Amino acid sequence: MEEKDLIQIKIEEAKVVFILAEISIIFAGFMFASSGIYWTTMVQTMEYNTNINNKVLDLTLHDYSNLTKDYIQKSLNLSTQLVEFTKSQSDLYKISFYLGWIFSAISILGIGLGKYLISKLKKHQ
């Protein structure tokens, strides 16, 4: 192989590194966007749960004769399910957020490596 062929191969390798960096930054964007969605869902669920708890508390503080213990129990069961759902949303938020940072770091490293490979090729030309 001639030196020009080797240089062309190295240029293609540098292009691949840049493409991988671009793909990583796209994945980082998806991860950050999904973490924002999980965060919003988590906050809305907590607000809804707070409203349910406030209504149950208000109903128990006032003596409503038509209110049954069954209704209060169902409301508390729903509240418990919402707390479990909020915990799962919190876990998904954390995972997505951390993966976003990891893909961002991979992208930064890929861009740095690609620039290094290109500068190294320019020295050989």
N, C-alpha and C. Protein backbone atom coordinates (compact mmCIF):
# COMPACT_ATOMS: atom_id res chain seq x y z
N MET A 1 0.84 -1.19 0.00
CA MET A 1 0.00 0.00 0.00
C MET A 1 0.88 1.24 0.00
N GLU A 2 0.39 2.20 -0.68
CA GLU A 2 1.11 3.46 -0.71
C GLU A 2 0.75 4.29 0.52
N GLU A 3 1.55 5.31 0.71
CA GLU A 3 1.32 6.19 1.86
C GLU A 3 0.00 6.93 1.73
N LYS A 4 -0.39 7.28 0.50
CA LYS A 4 -1.66 7.97 0.28
C LYS A 4 -2.84 7.09 0.68
N ASP A 5 -2.72 5.78 0.40
CA ASP A 5 -3.79 4.86 0.78
C ASP A 5 -3.90 4.76 2.30
N LEU A 6 -2.76 4.71 2.96
CA LEU A 6 -2.78 4.66 4.44
C LEU A 6 -3.37 5.93 5.03
N ILE A 7 -3.03 7.06 4.44
CA ILE A 7 -3.58 8.33 4.92
C ILE A 7 -5.09 8.35 4.71
N GLN A 8 -5.53 7.84 3.57
CA GLN A 8 -6.98 7.80 3.29
C GLN A 8 -7.70 6.91 4.30
N ILE A 9 -7.09 5.80 4.67
CA ILE A 9 -7.67 4.91 5.69
C ILE A 9 -7.76 5.63 7.03
N LYS A 10 -6.72 6.34 7.39
CA LYS A 10 -6.72 7.09 8.65
C LYS A 10 -7.78 8.20 8.64
N ILE A 11 -7.98 8.83 7.49
CA ILE A 11 -9.01 9.86 7.38
C ILE A 11 -10.39 9.24 7.60
N GLU A 12 -10.61 8.07 7.02
CA GLU A 12 -11.89 7.38 7.20
C GLU A 12 -12.09 6.98 8.66
N GLU A 13 -11.02 6.58 9.34
CA GLU A 13 -11.11 6.26 10.77
C GLU A 13 -11.50 7.48 11.58
N ALA A 14 -10.93 8.62 11.23
CA ALA A 14 -11.27 9.86 11.94
C ALA A 14 -12.73 10.23 11.69
N LYS A 15 -13.21 10.01 10.47
CA LYS A 15 -14.62 10.29 10.16
C LYS A 15 -15.55 9.40 10.99
N VAL A 16 -15.15 8.13 11.13
CA VAL A 16 -15.96 7.20 11.93
C VAL A 16 -16.03 7.67 13.38
N VAL A 17 -14.93 8.15 13.91
CA VAL A 17 -14.92 8.65 15.29
C VAL A 17 -15.86 9.84 15.43
N PHE A 18 -15.85 10.74 14.45
CA PHE A 18 -16.76 11.89 14.49
C PHE A 18 -18.22 11.45 14.39
N ILE A 19 -18.48 10.46 13.55
CA ILE A 19 -19.85 9.96 13.40
C ILE A 19 -20.32 9.34 14.72
N LEU A 20 -19.46 8.57 15.36
CA LEU A 20 -19.82 7.99 16.66
C LEU A 20 -20.07 9.07 17.71
N ALA A 21 -19.30 10.14 17.65
CA ALA A 21 -19.51 11.26 18.57
C ALA A 21 -20.86 11.92 18.31
N GLU A 22 -21.22 12.05 17.03
CA GLU A 22 -22.52 12.63 16.69
C GLU A 22 -23.66 11.74 17.17
N ILE A 23 -23.52 10.44 16.99
CA ILE A 23 -24.55 9.50 17.45
C ILE A 23 -24.67 9.56 18.97
N SER A 24 -23.54 9.67 19.66
CA SER A 24 -23.57 9.76 21.12
C SER A 24 -24.28 11.01 21.60
N ILE A 25 -24.06 12.13 20.93
CA ILE A 25 -24.72 13.36 21.36
C ILE A 25 -26.22 13.29 21.07
N ILE A 26 -26.61 12.58 20.01
CA ILE A 26 -28.05 12.39 19.75
C ILE A 26 -28.67 11.53 20.85
N PHE A 27 -27.98 10.44 21.24
CA PHE A 27 -28.49 9.62 22.34
C PHE A 27 -28.55 10.42 23.64
N ALA A 28 -27.57 11.27 23.86
CA ALA A 28 -27.58 12.11 25.07
C ALA A 28 -28.81 13.01 25.06
N GLY A 29 -29.12 13.59 23.91
CA GLY A 29 -30.31 14.43 23.81
C GLY A 29 -31.58 13.66 24.11
N PHE A 30 -31.69 12.44 23.58
CA PHE A 30 -32.86 11.60 23.88
C PHE A 30 -32.94 11.29 25.37
N MET A 31 -31.80 10.99 25.96
CA MET A 31 -31.80 10.65 27.39
C MET A 31 -32.21 11.85 28.25
N PHE A 32 -31.68 13.03 27.92
CA PHE A 32 -32.06 14.22 28.68
C PHE A 32 -33.53 14.56 28.47
N ALA A 33 -34.02 14.38 27.25
CA ALA A 33 -35.44 14.65 26.99
C ALA A 33 -36.33 13.67 27.75
N SER A 34 -35.96 12.40 27.75
CA SER A 34 -36.78 11.42 28.48
C SER A 34 -36.70 11.65 29.98
N SER A 35 -35.56 12.09 30.48
CA SER A 35 -35.49 12.38 31.92
C SER A 35 -36.39 13.56 32.26
N GLY A 36 -36.51 14.53 31.36
CA GLY A 36 -37.43 15.64 31.57
C GLY A 36 -38.88 15.17 31.59
N ILE A 37 -39.21 14.24 30.72
CA ILE A 37 -40.57 13.68 30.69
C ILE A 37 -40.86 12.93 31.98
N TYR A 38 -39.89 12.11 32.42
CA TYR A 38 -40.09 11.37 33.68
C TYR A 38 -40.24 12.33 34.86
N TRP A 39 -39.45 13.40 34.85
CA TRP A 39 -39.52 14.39 35.93
C TRP A 39 -40.90 15.04 35.96
N THR A 40 -41.39 15.44 34.81
CA THR A 40 -42.70 16.09 34.73
C THR A 40 -43.80 15.15 35.19
N THR A 41 -43.75 13.90 34.74
CA THR A 41 -44.74 12.91 35.16
C THR A 41 -44.69 12.69 36.66
N MET A 42 -43.49 12.63 37.21
CA MET A 42 -43.32 12.43 38.64
C MET A 42 -43.93 13.58 39.43
N VAL A 43 -43.67 14.81 39.00
CA VAL A 43 -44.19 15.98 39.71
C VAL A 43 -45.72 16.03 39.61
N GLN A 44 -46.26 15.74 38.43
CA GLN A 44 -47.72 15.75 38.28
C GLN A 44 -48.38 14.67 39.13
N THR A 45 -47.74 13.51 39.21
CA THR A 45 -48.28 12.44 40.04
C THR A 45 -48.25 12.83 41.51
N MET A 46 -47.18 13.47 41.94
CA MET A 46 -47.11 13.90 43.34
C MET A 46 -48.16 14.96 43.64
N GLU A 47 -48.41 15.87 42.70
CA GLU A 47 -49.46 16.88 42.90
C GLU A 47 -50.83 16.22 43.00
N TYR A 48 -51.09 15.25 42.12
CA TYR A 48 -52.37 14.54 42.15
C TYR A 48 -52.53 13.78 43.46
N ASN A 49 -51.46 13.14 43.90
CA ASN A 49 -51.49 12.39 45.16
C ASN A 49 -51.73 13.33 46.34
N THR A 50 -51.12 14.48 46.31
CA THR A 50 -51.33 15.46 47.38
C THR A 50 -52.78 15.92 47.42
N ASN A 51 -53.37 16.14 46.25
CA ASN A 51 -54.78 16.53 46.21
C ASN A 51 -55.68 15.45 46.79
N ILE A 52 -55.41 14.20 46.45
CA ILE A 52 -56.21 13.10 47.00
C ILE A 52 -56.07 13.05 48.52
N ASN A 53 -54.84 13.14 48.99
CA ASN A 53 -54.61 13.09 50.44
C ASN A 53 -55.27 14.25 51.16
N ASN A 54 -55.23 15.44 50.57
CA ASN A 54 -55.88 16.60 51.19
C ASN A 54 -57.40 16.42 51.26
N LYS A 55 -57.98 15.86 50.20
CA LYS A 55 -59.43 15.63 50.21
C LYS A 55 -59.82 14.58 51.25
N VAL A 56 -59.03 13.51 51.34
CA VAL A 56 -59.32 12.49 52.34
C VAL A 56 -59.16 13.07 53.74
N LEU A 57 -58.11 13.86 53.94
CA LEU A 57 -57.90 14.48 55.25
C LEU A 57 -59.04 15.42 55.60
N ASP A 58 -59.49 16.20 54.61
CA ASP A 58 -60.60 17.12 54.83
C ASP A 58 -61.88 16.35 55.18
N LEU A 59 -62.10 15.25 54.48
CA LEU A 59 -63.30 14.45 54.75
C LEU A 59 -63.25 13.77 56.11
N THR A 60 -62.08 13.36 56.54
CA THR A 60 -61.98 12.70 57.84
C THR A 60 -62.03 13.71 58.99
N LEU A 61 -61.59 14.93 58.75
CA LEU A 61 -61.66 15.95 59.80
C LEU A 61 -63.09 16.42 60.03
N HIS A 62 -63.88 16.42 58.98
CA HIS A 62 -65.29 16.79 59.10
C HIS A 62 -66.10 15.51 59.16
N ASP A 63 -67.05 15.49 60.00
CA ASP A 63 -67.83 14.27 60.19
C ASP A 63 -68.96 14.22 59.16
N TYR A 64 -68.67 13.55 58.05
CA TYR A 64 -69.72 13.35 57.04
C TYR A 64 -70.31 11.97 57.26
N SER A 65 -71.58 11.93 57.53
CA SER A 65 -72.21 10.66 57.86
C SER A 65 -72.32 9.72 56.66
N ASN A 66 -72.36 10.29 55.46
CA ASN A 66 -72.49 9.44 54.28
C ASN A 66 -71.15 8.90 53.79
N LEU A 67 -70.08 9.31 54.44
CA LEU A 67 -68.75 8.85 54.05
C LEU A 67 -68.45 7.51 54.72
N THR A 68 -68.07 6.56 53.94
CA THR A 68 -67.80 5.23 54.50
C THR A 68 -66.30 5.02 54.64
N LYS A 69 -65.98 4.06 55.49
CA LYS A 69 -64.58 3.70 55.67
C LYS A 69 -64.01 3.09 54.39
N ASP A 70 -64.88 2.47 53.61
CA ASP A 70 -64.45 1.85 52.36
C ASP A 70 -63.90 2.91 51.39
N TYR A 71 -64.57 4.07 51.33
CA TYR A 71 -64.11 5.14 50.45
C TYR A 71 -62.73 5.64 50.89
N ILE A 72 -62.56 5.82 52.18
CA ILE A 72 -61.26 6.28 52.70
C ILE A 72 -60.18 5.24 52.41
N GLN A 73 -60.52 3.96 52.61
CA GLN A 73 -59.54 2.91 52.36
C GLN A 73 -59.14 2.86 50.88
N LYS A 74 -60.11 3.01 49.98
CA LYS A 74 -59.80 3.02 48.54
C LYS A 74 -58.93 4.21 48.18
N SER A 75 -59.19 5.35 48.80
CA SER A 75 -58.38 6.54 48.53
C SER A 75 -56.95 6.34 49.02
N LEU A 76 -56.81 5.73 50.18
CA LEU A 76 -55.46 5.49 50.70
C LEU A 76 -54.72 4.45 49.87
N ASN A 77 -55.45 3.45 49.36
CA ASN A 77 -54.82 2.46 48.48
C ASN A 77 -54.34 3.12 47.19
N LEU A 78 -55.17 4.01 46.63
CA LEU A 78 -54.76 4.74 45.43
C LEU A 78 -53.54 5.60 45.71
N SER A 79 -53.54 6.22 46.88
CA SER A 79 -52.40 7.05 47.26
C SER A 79 -51.12 6.21 47.35
N THR A 80 -51.23 5.03 47.90
CA THR A 80 -50.07 4.13 48.01
C THR A 80 -49.57 3.72 46.62
N GLN A 81 -50.49 3.43 45.70
CA GLN A 81 -50.11 3.07 44.34
C GLN A 81 -49.43 4.24 43.64
N LEU A 82 -49.91 5.44 43.89
CA LEU A 82 -49.29 6.61 43.28
C LEU A 82 -47.88 6.84 43.81
N VAL A 83 -47.67 6.56 45.09
CA VAL A 83 -46.33 6.70 45.66
C VAL A 83 -45.38 5.69 45.01
N GLU A 84 -45.84 4.46 44.79
CA GLU A 84 -45.01 3.45 44.13
C GLU A 84 -44.70 3.86 42.69
N PHE A 85 -45.71 4.40 42.00
CA PHE A 85 -45.50 4.87 40.63
C PHE A 85 -44.50 6.01 40.60
N THR A 86 -44.60 6.91 41.57
CA THR A 86 -43.66 8.04 41.64
C THR A 86 -42.24 7.55 41.86
N LYS A 87 -42.09 6.51 42.68
CA LYS A 87 -40.76 5.95 42.91
C LYS A 87 -40.18 5.37 41.62
N SER A 88 -40.99 4.66 40.85
CA SER A 88 -40.49 4.11 39.59
C SER A 88 -40.14 5.23 38.60
N GLN A 89 -40.94 6.29 38.57
CA GLN A 89 -40.63 7.43 37.70
C GLN A 89 -39.33 8.10 38.14
N SER A 90 -39.12 8.17 39.45
CA SER A 90 -37.89 8.76 39.96
C SER A 90 -36.67 7.93 39.54
N ASP A 91 -36.81 6.61 39.61
CA ASP A 91 -35.70 5.75 39.20
C ASP A 91 -35.41 5.90 37.70
N LEU A 92 -36.46 5.95 36.89
CA LEU A 92 -36.27 6.13 35.45
C LEU A 92 -35.65 7.50 35.14
N TYR A 93 -36.06 8.51 35.89
CA TYR A 93 -35.49 9.85 35.72
C TYR A 93 -33.98 9.82 35.98
N LYS A 94 -33.59 9.19 37.08
CA LYS A 94 -32.17 9.13 37.43
C LYS A 94 -31.37 8.39 36.36
N ILE A 95 -31.89 7.24 35.92
CA ILE A 95 -31.18 6.44 34.91
C ILE A 95 -31.02 7.23 33.62
N SER A 96 -32.10 7.86 33.17
CA SER A 96 -32.03 8.63 31.92
C SER A 96 -31.08 9.81 32.04
N PHE A 97 -31.12 10.48 33.18
CA PHE A 97 -30.26 11.64 33.38
C PHE A 97 -28.79 11.23 33.39
N TYR A 98 -28.47 10.15 34.10
CA TYR A 98 -27.08 9.70 34.15
C TYR A 98 -26.60 9.19 32.78
N LEU A 99 -27.47 8.48 32.06
CA LEU A 99 -27.10 8.03 30.72
C LEU A 99 -26.88 9.21 29.79
N GLY A 100 -27.65 10.28 29.96
CA GLY A 100 -27.44 11.49 29.17
C GLY A 100 -26.05 12.05 29.40
N TRP A 101 -25.62 12.08 30.65
CA TRP A 101 -24.27 12.58 30.95
C TRP A 101 -23.20 11.65 30.40
N ILE A 102 -23.43 10.35 30.48
CA ILE A 102 -22.45 9.39 29.97
C ILE A 102 -22.30 9.55 28.45
N PHE A 103 -23.43 9.63 27.74
CA PHE A 103 -23.35 9.80 26.28
C PHE A 103 -22.72 11.15 25.92
N SER A 104 -22.97 12.17 26.73
CA SER A 104 -22.32 13.47 26.48
C SER A 104 -20.81 13.35 26.63
N ALA A 105 -20.37 12.65 27.66
CA ALA A 105 -18.93 12.46 27.87
C ALA A 105 -18.31 11.66 26.73
N ILE A 106 -19.01 10.62 26.28
CA ILE A 106 -18.51 9.83 25.15
C ILE A 106 -18.38 10.71 23.91
N SER A 107 -19.36 11.58 23.71
CA SER A 107 -19.32 12.47 22.55
C SER A 107 -18.13 13.43 22.63
N ILE A 108 -17.91 14.00 23.80
CA ILE A 108 -16.79 14.93 23.97
C ILE A 108 -15.46 14.21 23.74
N LEU A 109 -15.34 13.00 24.28
CA LEU A 109 -14.12 12.22 24.06
C LEU A 109 -13.95 11.86 22.58
N GLY A 110 -15.05 11.53 21.92
CA GLY A 110 -14.97 11.20 20.49
C GLY A 110 -14.54 12.39 19.64
N ILE A 111 -15.07 13.55 19.96
CA ILE A 111 -14.68 14.76 19.22
C ILE A 111 -13.20 15.06 19.45
N GLY A 112 -12.76 14.93 20.70
CA GLY A 112 -11.34 15.16 21.00
C GLY A 112 -10.44 14.18 20.29
N LEU A 113 -10.84 12.90 20.28
CA LEU A 113 -10.04 11.88 19.60
C LEU A 113 -10.03 12.12 18.10
N GLY A 114 -11.16 12.50 17.53
CA GLY A 114 -11.22 12.77 16.10
C GLY A 114 -10.33 13.94 15.71
N LYS A 115 -10.36 15.00 16.52
CA LYS A 115 -9.49 16.16 16.24
C LYS A 115 -8.02 15.76 16.36
N TYR A 116 -7.70 14.94 17.34
CA TYR A 116 -6.33 14.48 17.50
C TYR A 116 -5.87 13.68 16.28
N LEU A 117 -6.74 12.78 15.80
CA LEU A 117 -6.37 11.96 14.64
C LEU A 117 -6.18 12.82 13.40
N ILE A 118 -7.02 13.82 13.22
CA ILE A 118 -6.88 14.70 12.06
C ILE A 118 -5.62 15.55 12.17
N SER A 119 -5.33 16.06 13.36
CA SER A 119 -4.11 16.86 13.51
C SER A 119 -2.86 16.00 13.29
N LYS A 120 -2.94 14.76 13.69
CA LYS A 120 -1.83 13.84 13.47
C LYS A 120 -1.63 13.58 11.97
N LEU A 121 -2.74 13.49 11.23
CA LEU A 121 -2.64 13.27 9.78
C LEU A 121 -2.09 14.49 9.07
N LYS A 122 -2.45 15.69 9.56
CA LYS A 122 -1.96 16.91 8.94
C LYS A 122 -0.45 17.06 9.10
N LYS A 123 0.08 16.52 10.19
CA LYS A 123 1.52 16.57 10.39
C LYS A 123 2.26 15.67 9.41
N HIS A 124 1.61 14.56 9.03
CA HIS A 124 2.24 13.62 8.11
C HIS A 124 2.19 14.08 6.66
N GLN A 125 1.26 14.99 6.36
CA GLN A 125 1.14 15.45 4.97
C GLN A 125 2.12 16.52 4.63
